[in-house]
Amino acid sequence: MRVRFRKRAQLDIESIHEFIQARNPRAASEIAARIRDAASRLQEWPFIGHSCRAQGTYEWVVVGSPYIIVYEIHEAADEVAIIAVFHGAQNRGQDDET
């Protein structure tokens, strides 16, 4: 399956990068790369995450970080769509999942 980042997820990664960069530019680049690397693993193992609160969505934790990738699988399109990226301590409402 191919992995596609929705605009929301791209903006989430950019926001994470900007927030960390103000304190540690090297760490900012590393965490953005780790998030993208974790997402790329979903092309081979799309069902590796666990079911999310919103029906039809899954969560995959970026190992060694506080970030969670929220995604959905479109088997007919052979695609994993990355919906959003959240910090684990972030207060998320039901509407934030999609």
PDB file of N, CA and C in Angstrom:
ATOM      1  N   MET A   1       0.833  -1.187   0.000  1.00  0.00           N
ATOM      2  CA  MET A   1       0.000   0.000   0.000  1.00  0.00           C
ATOM      3  C   MET A   1       0.874   1.244   0.000  1.00  0.00           C
ATOM      4  N   ARG A   2       0.370   2.265  -0.624  1.00  0.00           N
ATOM      5  CA  ARG A   2       1.114   3.523  -0.578  1.00  0.00           C
ATOM      6  C   ARG A   2       0.598   4.348   0.597  1.00  0.00           C
ATOM      7  N   VAL A   3       1.450   5.201   1.117  1.00  0.00           N
ATOM      8  CA  VAL A   3       1.104   6.075   2.230  1.00  0.00           C
ATOM      9  C   VAL A   3       0.936   7.492   1.703  1.00  0.00           C
ATOM     10  N   ARG A   4      -0.188   8.104   2.068  1.00  0.00           N
ATOM     11  CA  ARG A   4      -0.467   9.477   1.644  1.00  0.00           C
ATOM     12  C   ARG A   4      -0.779  10.308   2.886  1.00  0.00           C
ATOM     13  N   PHE A   5      -0.147  11.447   2.998  1.00  0.00           N
ATOM     14  CA  PHE A   5      -0.386  12.365   4.106  1.00  0.00           C
ATOM     15  C   PHE A   5      -1.452  13.368   3.690  1.00  0.00           C
ATOM     16  N   ARG A   6      -2.527  13.422   4.449  1.00  0.00           N
ATOM     17  CA  ARG A   6      -3.520  14.461   4.199  1.00  0.00           C
ATOM     18  C   ARG A   6      -2.945  15.802   4.635  1.00  0.00           C
ATOM     19  N   LYS A   7      -3.541  16.861   4.155  1.00  0.00           N
ATOM     20  CA  LYS A   7      -3.053  18.212   4.454  1.00  0.00           C
ATOM     21  C   LYS A   7      -2.980  18.458   5.960  1.00  0.00           C
ATOM     22  N   ARG A   8      -3.979  18.007   6.702  1.00  0.00           N
ATOM     23  CA  ARG A   8      -3.991  18.178   8.166  1.00  0.00           C
ATOM     24  C   ARG A   8      -2.750  17.549   8.789  1.00  0.00           C
ATOM     25  N   ALA A   9      -2.408  16.329   8.362  1.00  0.00           N
ATOM     26  CA  ALA A   9      -1.237  15.635   8.913  1.00  0.00           C
ATOM     27  C   ALA A   9       0.053  16.368   8.556  1.00  0.00           C
ATOM     28  N   GLN A  10       0.142  16.870   7.335  1.00  0.00           N
ATOM     29  CA  GLN A  10       1.320  17.633   6.930  1.00  0.00           C
ATOM     30  C   GLN A  10       1.476  18.875   7.799  1.00  0.00           C
ATOM     31  N   LEU A  11       0.371  19.549   8.055  1.00  0.00           N
ATOM     32  CA  LEU A  11       0.410  20.743   8.904  1.00  0.00           C
ATOM     33  C   LEU A  11       0.774  20.393  10.348  1.00  0.00           C
ATOM     34  N   ASP A  12       0.279  19.244  10.817  1.00  0.00           N
ATOM     35  CA  ASP A  12       0.631  18.791  12.172  1.00  0.00           C
ATOM     36  C   ASP A  12       2.140  18.594  12.292  1.00  0.00           C
ATOM     37  N   ILE A  13       2.740  17.929  11.314  1.00  0.00           N
ATOM     38  CA  ILE A  13       4.184  17.681  11.348  1.00  0.00           C
ATOM     39  C   ILE A  13       4.958  18.990  11.276  1.00  0.00           C
ATOM     40  N   GLU A  14       4.510  19.894  10.432  1.00  0.00           N
ATOM     41  CA  GLU A  14       5.162  21.211  10.342  1.00  0.00           C
ATOM     42  C   GLU A  14       5.076  21.958  11.676  1.00  0.00           C
ATOM     43  N   SER A  15       3.923  21.902  12.328  1.00  0.00           N
ATOM     44  CA  SER A  15       3.737  22.573  13.620  1.00  0.00           C
ATOM     45  C   SER A  15       4.631  21.964  14.694  1.00  0.00           C
ATOM     46  N   ILE A  16       4.722  20.646  14.707  1.00  0.00           N
ATOM     47  CA  ILE A  16       5.595  19.953  15.662  1.00  0.00           C
ATOM     48  C   ILE A  16       7.037  20.391  15.435  1.00  0.00           C
ATOM     49  N   HIS A  17       7.442  20.405  14.168  1.00  0.00           N
ATOM     50  CA  HIS A  17       8.810  20.801  13.819  1.00  0.00           C
ATOM     51  C   HIS A  17       9.096  22.231  14.277  1.00  0.00           C
ATOM     52  N   GLU A  18       8.185  23.141  13.983  1.00  0.00           N
ATOM     53  CA  GLU A  18       8.380  24.545  14.361  1.00  0.00           C
ATOM     54  C   GLU A  18       8.465  24.717  15.873  1.00  0.00           C
ATOM     55  N   PHE A  19       7.604  24.015  16.600  1.00  0.00           N
ATOM     56  CA  PHE A  19       7.603  24.121  18.057  1.00  0.00           C
ATOM     57  C   PHE A  19       8.934  23.654  18.642  1.00  0.00           C
ATOM     58  N   ILE A  20       9.413  22.520  18.181  1.00  0.00           N
ATOM     59  CA  ILE A  20      10.665  21.969  18.709  1.00  0.00           C
ATOM     60  C   ILE A  20      11.866  22.769  18.218  1.00  0.00           C
ATOM     61  N   GLN A  21      11.818  23.241  16.988  1.00  0.00           N
ATOM     62  CA  GLN A  21      12.945  23.966  16.405  1.00  0.00           C
ATOM     63  C   GLN A  21      13.311  25.211  17.210  1.00  0.00           C
ATOM     64  N   ALA A  22      12.324  25.845  17.814  1.00  0.00           N
ATOM     65  CA  ALA A  22      12.599  27.042  18.612  1.00  0.00           C
ATOM     66  C   ALA A  22      13.510  26.730  19.796  1.00  0.00           C
ATOM     67  N   ARG A  23      13.503  25.471  20.229  1.00  0.00           N
ATOM     68  CA  ARG A  23      14.301  25.056  21.370  1.00  0.00           C
ATOM     69  C   ARG A  23      15.533  24.236  20.990  1.00  0.00           C
ATOM     70  N   ASN A  24      15.369  23.423  19.917  1.00  0.00           N
ATOM     71  CA  ASN A  24      16.451  22.523  19.529  1.00  0.00           C
ATOM     72  C   ASN A  24      16.289  22.150  18.047  1.00  0.00           C
ATOM     73  N   PRO A  25      16.932  22.870  17.129  1.00  0.00           N
ATOM     74  CA  PRO A  25      16.764  22.625  15.691  1.00  0.00           C
ATOM     75  C   PRO A  25      17.094  21.190  15.267  1.00  0.00           C
ATOM     76  N   ARG A  26      18.127  20.613  15.830  1.00  0.00           N
ATOM     77  CA  ARG A  26      18.502  19.242  15.454  1.00  0.00           C
ATOM     78  C   ARG A  26      17.411  18.253  15.859  1.00  0.00           C
ATOM     79  N   ALA A  27      16.904  18.408  17.076  1.00  0.00           N
ATOM     80  CA  ALA A  27      15.836  17.517  17.545  1.00  0.00           C
ATOM     81  C   ALA A  27      14.579  17.666  16.696  1.00  0.00           C
ATOM     82  N   ALA A  28      14.309  18.882  16.247  1.00  0.00           N
ATOM     83  CA  ALA A  28      13.129  19.123  15.412  1.00  0.00           C
ATOM     84  C   ALA A  28      13.205  18.327  14.116  1.00  0.00           C
ATOM     85  N   SER A  29      14.350  18.348  13.479  1.00  0.00           N
ATOM     86  CA  SER A  29      14.525  17.590  12.234  1.00  0.00           C
ATOM     87  C   SER A  29      14.448  16.093  12.485  1.00  0.00           C
ATOM     88  N   GLU A  30      15.025  15.659  13.586  1.00  0.00           N
ATOM     89  CA  GLU A  30      15.010  14.226  13.913  1.00  0.00           C
ATOM     90  C   GLU A  30      13.603  13.717  14.185  1.00  0.00           C
ATOM     91  N   ILE A  31      12.807  14.466  14.944  1.00  0.00           N
ATOM     92  CA  ILE A  31      11.463  13.990  15.262  1.00  0.00           C
ATOM     93  C   ILE A  31      10.568  13.998  14.028  1.00  0.00           C
ATOM     94  N   ALA A  32      10.702  14.999  13.175  1.00  0.00           N
ATOM     95  CA  ALA A  32       9.914  15.021  11.936  1.00  0.00           C
ATOM     96  C   ALA A  32      10.266  13.808  11.071  1.00  0.00           C
ATOM     97  N   ALA A  33      11.544  13.480  10.995  1.00  0.00           N
ATOM     98  CA  ALA A  33      11.974  12.307  10.222  1.00  0.00           C
ATOM     99  C   ALA A  33      11.455  11.019  10.849  1.00  0.00           C
ATOM    100  N   ARG A  34      11.462  10.948  12.168  1.00  0.00           N
ATOM    101  CA  ARG A  34      10.966   9.741  12.850  1.00  0.00           C
ATOM    102  C   ARG A  34       9.471   9.543  12.621  1.00  0.00           C
ATOM    103  N   ILE A  35       8.725  10.628  12.618  1.00  0.00           N
ATOM    104  CA  ILE A  35       7.284  10.530  12.352  1.00  0.00           C
ATOM    105  C   ILE A  35       7.053  10.013  10.940  1.00  0.00           C
ATOM    106  N   ARG A  36       7.765  10.570   9.976  1.00  0.00           N
ATOM    107  CA  ARG A  36       7.604  10.135   8.581  1.00  0.00           C
ATOM    108  C   ARG A  36       8.066   8.685   8.388  1.00  0.00           C
ATOM    109  N   ASP A  37       9.130   8.303   9.083  1.00  0.00           N
ATOM    110  CA  ASP A  37       9.619   6.927   9.012  1.00  0.00           C
ATOM    111  C   ASP A  37       8.590   5.953   9.584  1.00  0.00           C
ATOM    112  N   ALA A  38       8.006   6.306  10.720  1.00  0.00           N
ATOM    113  CA  ALA A  38       6.978   5.455  11.331  1.00  0.00           C
ATOM    114  C   ALA A  38       5.785   5.310  10.389  1.00  0.00           C
ATOM    115  N   ALA A  39       5.391   6.406   9.751  1.00  0.00           N
ATOM    116  CA  ALA A  39       4.271   6.361   8.811  1.00  0.00           C
ATOM    117  C   ALA A  39       4.601   5.478   7.605  1.00  0.00           C
ATOM    118  N   SER A  40       5.845   5.527   7.151  1.00  0.00           N
ATOM    119  CA  SER A  40       6.222   4.728   5.979  1.00  0.00           C
ATOM    120  C   SER A  40       6.140   3.229   6.261  1.00  0.00           C
ATOM    121  N   ARG A  41       6.296   2.831   7.508  1.00  0.00           N
ATOM    122  CA  ARG A  41       6.173   1.403   7.861  1.00  0.00           C
ATOM    123  C   ARG A  41       4.766   0.880   7.634  1.00  0.00           C
ATOM    124  N   LEU A  42       3.800   1.777   7.643  1.00  0.00           N
ATOM    125  CA  LEU A  42       2.415   1.375   7.450  1.00  0.00           C
ATOM    126  C   LEU A  42       2.140   0.874   6.032  1.00  0.00           C
ATOM    127  N   GLN A  43       3.015   1.199   5.083  1.00  0.00           N
ATOM    128  CA  GLN A  43       2.788   0.691   3.723  1.00  0.00           C
ATOM    129  C   GLN A  43       2.940  -0.826   3.670  1.00  0.00           C
ATOM    130  N   GLU A  44       3.792  -1.385   4.511  1.00  0.00           N
ATOM    131  CA  GLU A  44       3.959  -2.838   4.544  1.00  0.00           C
ATOM    132  C   GLU A  44       3.070  -3.504   5.584  1.00  0.00           C
ATOM    133  N   TRP A  45       2.825  -2.806   6.696  1.00  0.00           N
ATOM    134  CA  TRP A  45       2.035  -3.369   7.800  1.00  0.00           C
ATOM    135  C   TRP A  45       0.922  -2.401   8.197  1.00  0.00           C
ATOM    136  N   PRO A  46      -0.065  -2.205   7.345  1.00  0.00           N
ATOM    137  CA  PRO A  46      -1.092  -1.203   7.626  1.00  0.00           C
ATOM    138  C   PRO A  46      -1.953  -1.493   8.860  1.00  0.00           C
ATOM    139  N   PHE A  47      -2.069  -2.743   9.251  1.00  0.00           N
ATOM    140  CA  PHE A  47      -2.910  -3.081  10.399  1.00  0.00           C
ATOM    141  C   PHE A  47      -2.115  -3.211  11.693  1.00  0.00           C
ATOM    142  N   ILE A  48      -0.899  -2.667  11.718  1.00  0.00           N
ATOM    143  CA  ILE A  48      -0.037  -2.769  12.892  1.00  0.00           C
ATOM    144  C   ILE A  48      -0.546  -1.895  14.046  1.00  0.00           C
ATOM    145  N   GLY A  49      -1.247  -0.823  13.734  1.00  0.00           N
ATOM    146  CA  GLY A  49      -1.783   0.058  14.766  1.00  0.00           C
ATOM    147  C   GLY A  49      -3.011  -0.549  15.417  1.00  0.00           C
ATOM    148  N   HIS A  50      -3.529   0.132  16.409  1.00  0.00           N
ATOM    149  CA  HIS A  50      -4.751  -0.345  17.057  1.00  0.00           C
ATOM    150  C   HIS A  50      -5.913   0.589  16.710  1.00  0.00           C
ATOM    151  N   SER A  51      -7.124   0.066  16.845  1.00  0.00           N
ATOM    152  CA  SER A  51      -8.315   0.845  16.516  1.00  0.00           C
ATOM    153  C   SER A  51      -8.373   2.111  17.347  1.00  0.00           C
ATOM    154  N   CYS A  52      -8.833   3.137  16.714  1.00  0.00           N
ATOM    155  CA  CYS A  52      -8.927   4.463  17.323  1.00  0.00           C
ATOM    156  C   CYS A  52     -10.368   4.691  17.796  1.00  0.00           C
ATOM    157  N   ARG A  53     -10.597   5.824  18.431  1.00  0.00           N
ATOM    158  CA  ARG A  53     -11.949   6.157  18.902  1.00  0.00           C
ATOM    159  C   ARG A  53     -12.924   6.337  17.747  1.00  0.00           C
ATOM    160  N   ALA A  54     -12.500   6.978  16.687  1.00  0.00           N
ATOM    161  CA  ALA A  54     -13.371   7.183  15.529  1.00  0.00           C
ATOM    162  C   ALA A  54     -13.375   5.904  14.687  1.00  0.00           C
ATOM    163  N   GLN A  55     -14.552   5.439  14.351  1.00  0.00           N
ATOM    164  CA  GLN A  55     -14.693   4.195  13.599  1.00  0.00           C
ATOM    165  C   GLN A  55     -13.908   4.241  12.291  1.00  0.00           C
ATOM    166  N   GLY A  56     -13.188   3.162  12.017  1.00  0.00           N
ATOM    167  CA  GLY A  56     -12.434   3.051  10.772  1.00  0.00           C
ATOM    168  C   GLY A  56     -11.066   3.691  10.797  1.00  0.00           C
ATOM    169  N   THR A  57     -10.670   4.223  11.952  1.00  0.00           N
ATOM    170  CA  THR A  57      -9.346   4.824  12.057  1.00  0.00           C
ATOM    171  C   THR A  57      -8.475   4.019  13.012  1.00  0.00           C
ATOM    172  N   TYR A  58      -7.172   4.206  12.861  1.00  0.00           N
ATOM    173  CA  TYR A  58      -6.189   3.479  13.657  1.00  0.00           C
ATOM    174  C   TYR A  58      -5.159   4.457  14.211  1.00  0.00           C
ATOM    175  N   GLU A  59      -4.488   4.029  15.281  1.00  0.00           N
ATOM    176  CA  GLU A  59      -3.395   4.809  15.870  1.00  0.00           C
ATOM    177  C   GLU A  59      -2.124   3.992  15.822  1.00  0.00           C
ATOM    178  N   TRP A  60      -1.028   4.665  15.541  1.00  0.00           N
ATOM    179  CA  TRP A  60       0.294   4.046  15.532  1.00  0.00           C
ATOM    180  C   TRP A  60       1.220   4.994  16.275  1.00  0.00           C
ATOM    181  N   VAL A  61       1.816   4.504  17.357  1.00  0.00           N
ATOM    182  CA  VAL A  61       2.697   5.326  18.175  1.00  0.00           C
ATOM    183  C   VAL A  61       4.076   5.381  17.537  1.00  0.00           C
ATOM    184  N   VAL A  62       4.636   6.581  17.475  1.00  0.00           N
ATOM    185  CA  VAL A  62       5.995   6.765  16.980  1.00  0.00           C
ATOM    186  C   VAL A  62       6.918   6.360  18.130  1.00  0.00           C
ATOM    187  N   VAL A  63       7.548   5.207  17.990  1.00  0.00           N
ATOM    188  CA  VAL A  63       8.361   4.637  19.059  1.00  0.00           C
ATOM    189  C   VAL A  63       9.429   5.617  19.535  1.00  0.00           C
ATOM    190  N   GLY A  64       9.552   5.710  20.856  1.00  0.00           N
ATOM    191  CA  GLY A  64      10.559   6.585  21.442  1.00  0.00           C
ATOM    192  C   GLY A  64      10.188   8.051  21.414  1.00  0.00           C
ATOM    193  N   SER A  65       8.927   8.334  21.153  1.00  0.00           N
ATOM    194  CA  SER A  65       8.463   9.722  21.122  1.00  0.00           C
ATOM    195  C   SER A  65       7.063   9.782  21.716  1.00  0.00           C
ATOM    196  N   PRO A  66       6.583  10.975  21.996  1.00  0.00           N
ATOM    197  CA  PRO A  66       5.224  11.108  22.519  1.00  0.00           C
ATOM    198  C   PRO A  66       4.169  11.275  21.418  1.00  0.00           C
ATOM    199  N   TYR A  67       4.537  11.035  20.165  1.00  0.00           N
ATOM    200  CA  TYR A  67       3.630  11.326  19.055  1.00  0.00           C
ATOM    201  C   TYR A  67       2.879  10.093  18.569  1.00  0.00           C
ATOM    202  N   ILE A  68       1.642  10.345  18.147  1.00  0.00           N
ATOM    203  CA  ILE A  68       0.734   9.293  17.682  1.00  0.00           C
ATOM    204  C   ILE A  68       0.249   9.671  16.292  1.00  0.00           C
ATOM    205  N   ILE A  69       0.347   8.722  15.376  1.00  0.00           N
ATOM    206  CA  ILE A  69      -0.145   8.900  14.007  1.00  0.00           C
ATOM    207  C   ILE A  69      -1.555   8.318  13.938  1.00  0.00           C
ATOM    208  N   VAL A  70      -2.498   9.102  13.453  1.00  0.00           N
ATOM    209  CA  VAL A  70      -3.869   8.622  13.250  1.00  0.00           C
ATOM    210  C   VAL A  70      -4.048   8.435  11.745  1.00  0.00           C
ATOM    211  N   TYR A  71      -4.545   7.264  11.371  1.00  0.00           N
ATOM    212  CA  TYR A  71      -4.665   6.958   9.946  1.00  0.00           C
ATOM    213  C   TYR A  71      -5.871   6.081   9.664  1.00  0.00           C
ATOM    214  N   GLU A  72      -6.183   5.969   8.380  1.00  0.00           N
ATOM    215  CA  GLU A  72      -7.230   5.053   7.932  1.00  0.00           C
ATOM    216  C   GLU A  72      -6.711   4.283   6.725  1.00  0.00           C
ATOM    217  N   ILE A  73      -7.289   3.125   6.528  1.00  0.00           N
ATOM    218  CA  ILE A  73      -6.856   2.236   5.446  1.00  0.00           C
ATOM    219  C   ILE A  73      -7.951   2.188   4.382  1.00  0.00           C
ATOM    220  N   HIS A  74      -7.545   2.402   3.145  1.00  0.00           N
ATOM    221  CA  HIS A  74      -8.457   2.303   2.004  1.00  0.00           C
ATOM    222  C   HIS A  74      -7.964   1.137   1.149  1.00  0.00           C
ATOM    223  N   GLU A  75      -8.469  -0.042   1.462  1.00  0.00           N
ATOM    224  CA  GLU A  75      -7.981  -1.241   0.774  1.00  0.00           C
ATOM    225  C   GLU A  75      -8.260  -1.200  -0.724  1.00  0.00           C
ATOM    226  N   ALA A  76      -9.415  -0.712  -1.124  1.00  0.00           N
ATOM    227  CA  ALA A  76      -9.757  -0.666  -2.554  1.00  0.00           C
ATOM    228  C   ALA A  76      -8.781   0.214  -3.329  1.00  0.00           C
ATOM    229  N   ALA A  77      -8.303   1.274  -2.687  1.00  0.00           N
ATOM    230  CA  ALA A  77      -7.357   2.187  -3.333  1.00  0.00           C
ATOM    231  C   ALA A  77      -5.914   1.789  -3.048  1.00  0.00           C
ATOM    232  N   ASP A  78      -5.715   0.730  -2.243  1.00  0.00           N
ATOM    233  CA  ASP A  78      -4.382   0.268  -1.854  1.00  0.00           C
ATOM    234  C   ASP A  78      -3.587   1.420  -1.228  1.00  0.00           C
ATOM    235  N   GLU A  79      -4.246   2.076  -0.246  1.00  0.00           N
ATOM    236  CA  GLU A  79      -3.668   3.287   0.325  1.00  0.00           C
ATOM    237  C   GLU A  79      -3.892   3.374   1.833  1.00  0.00           C
ATOM    238  N   VAL A  80      -2.889   3.898   2.508  1.00  0.00           N
ATOM    239  CA  VAL A  80      -2.992   4.281   3.914  1.00  0.00           C
ATOM    240  C   VAL A  80      -2.981   5.807   3.926  1.00  0.00           C
ATOM    241  N   ALA A  81      -4.026   6.402   4.478  1.00  0.00           N
ATOM    242  CA  ALA A  81      -4.128   7.866   4.549  1.00  0.00           C
ATOM    243  C   ALA A  81      -3.810   8.313   5.965  1.00  0.00           C
ATOM    244  N   ILE A  82      -2.741   9.084   6.106  1.00  0.00           N
ATOM    245  CA  ILE A  82      -2.372   9.641   7.401  1.00  0.00           C
ATOM    246  C   ILE A  82      -3.267  10.862   7.612  1.00  0.00           C
ATOM    247  N   ILE A  83      -4.085  10.795   8.651  1.00  0.00           N
ATOM    248  CA  ILE A  83      -5.066  11.847   8.899  1.00  0.00           C
ATOM    249  C   ILE A  83      -4.483  12.973   9.739  1.00  0.00           C
ATOM    250  N   ALA A  84      -3.777  12.600  10.820  1.00  0.00           N
ATOM    251  CA  ALA A  84      -3.279  13.598  11.764  1.00  0.00           C
ATOM    252  C   ALA A  84      -2.134  13.016  12.577  1.00  0.00           C
ATOM    253  N   VAL A  85      -1.390  13.893  13.240  1.00  0.00           N
ATOM    254  CA  VAL A  85      -0.329  13.488  14.161  1.00  0.00           C
ATOM    255  C   VAL A  85      -0.542  14.292  15.443  1.00  0.00           C
ATOM    256  N   PHE A  86      -0.644  13.589  16.562  1.00  0.00           N
ATOM    257  CA  PHE A  86      -0.910  14.225  17.845  1.00  0.00           C
ATOM    258  C   PHE A  86       0.190  13.919  18.845  1.00  0.00           C
ATOM    259  N   HIS A  87       0.366  14.826  19.805  1.00  0.00           N
ATOM    260  CA  HIS A  87       1.192  14.553  20.978  1.00  0.00           C
ATOM    261  C   HIS A  87       0.326  13.721  21.915  1.00  0.00           C
ATOM    262  N   GLY A  88       0.899  12.708  22.538  1.00  0.00           N
ATOM    263  CA  GLY A  88       0.145  11.823  23.413  1.00  0.00           C
ATOM    264  C   GLY A  88      -0.540  12.529  24.569  1.00  0.00           C
ATOM    265  N   ALA A  89      -0.010  13.651  25.034  1.00  0.00           N
ATOM    266  CA  ALA A  89      -0.601  14.398  26.140  1.00  0.00           C
ATOM    267  C   ALA A  89      -1.637  15.413  25.667  1.00  0.00           C
ATOM    268  N   GLN A  90      -1.793  15.519  24.363  1.00  0.00           N
ATOM    269  CA  GLN A  90      -2.724  16.496  23.805  1.00  0.00           C
ATOM    270  C   GLN A  90      -4.159  16.084  24.093  1.00  0.00           C
ATOM    271  N   ASN A  91      -4.980  17.029  24.479  1.00  0.00           N
ATOM    272  CA  ASN A  91      -6.389  16.774  24.717  1.00  0.00           C
ATOM    273  C   ASN A  91      -7.089  16.721  23.358  1.00  0.00           C
ATOM    274  N   ARG A  92      -7.591  15.541  23.011  1.00  0.00           N
ATOM    275  CA  ARG A  92      -8.233  15.363  21.715  1.00  0.00           C
ATOM    276  C   ARG A  92      -9.724  15.118  21.897  1.00  0.00           C
ATOM    277  N   GLY A  93     -10.508  15.836  21.142  1.00  0.00           N
ATOM    278  CA  GLY A  93     -11.946  15.580  21.123  1.00  0.00           C
ATOM    279  C   GLY A  93     -12.246  14.563  20.043  1.00  0.00           C
ATOM    280  N   GLN A  94     -13.446  14.057  20.027  1.00  0.00           N
ATOM    281  CA  GLN A  94     -13.844  13.061  19.030  1.00  0.00           C
ATOM    282  C   GLN A  94     -13.677  13.605  17.619  1.00  0.00           C
ATOM    283  N   ASP A  95     -13.935  14.895  17.415  1.00  0.00           N
ATOM    284  CA  ASP A  95     -13.846  15.486  16.071  1.00  0.00           C
ATOM    285  C   ASP A  95     -12.401  15.581  15.581  1.00  0.00           C
ATOM    286  N   ASP A  96     -11.417  15.536  16.487  1.00  0.00           N
ATOM    287  CA  ASP A  96     -10.024  15.635  16.077  1.00  0.00           C
ATOM    288  C   ASP A  96      -9.496  14.372  15.415  1.00  0.00           C
ATOM    289  N   GLU A  97     -10.223  13.295  15.461  1.00  0.00           N
ATOM    290  CA  GLU A  97      -9.754  12.022  14.908  1.00  0.00           C
ATOM    291  C   GLU A  97      -9.872  11.970  13.398  1.00  0.00           C
ATOM    292  N   THR A  98     -10.741  12.762  12.821  1.00  0.00           N
ATOM    293  CA  THR A  98     -10.956  12.668  11.374  1.00  0.00           C
ATOM    294  C   THR A  98     -10.583  13.933  10.673  1.00  0.00           C
TER     295      THR A  98
END
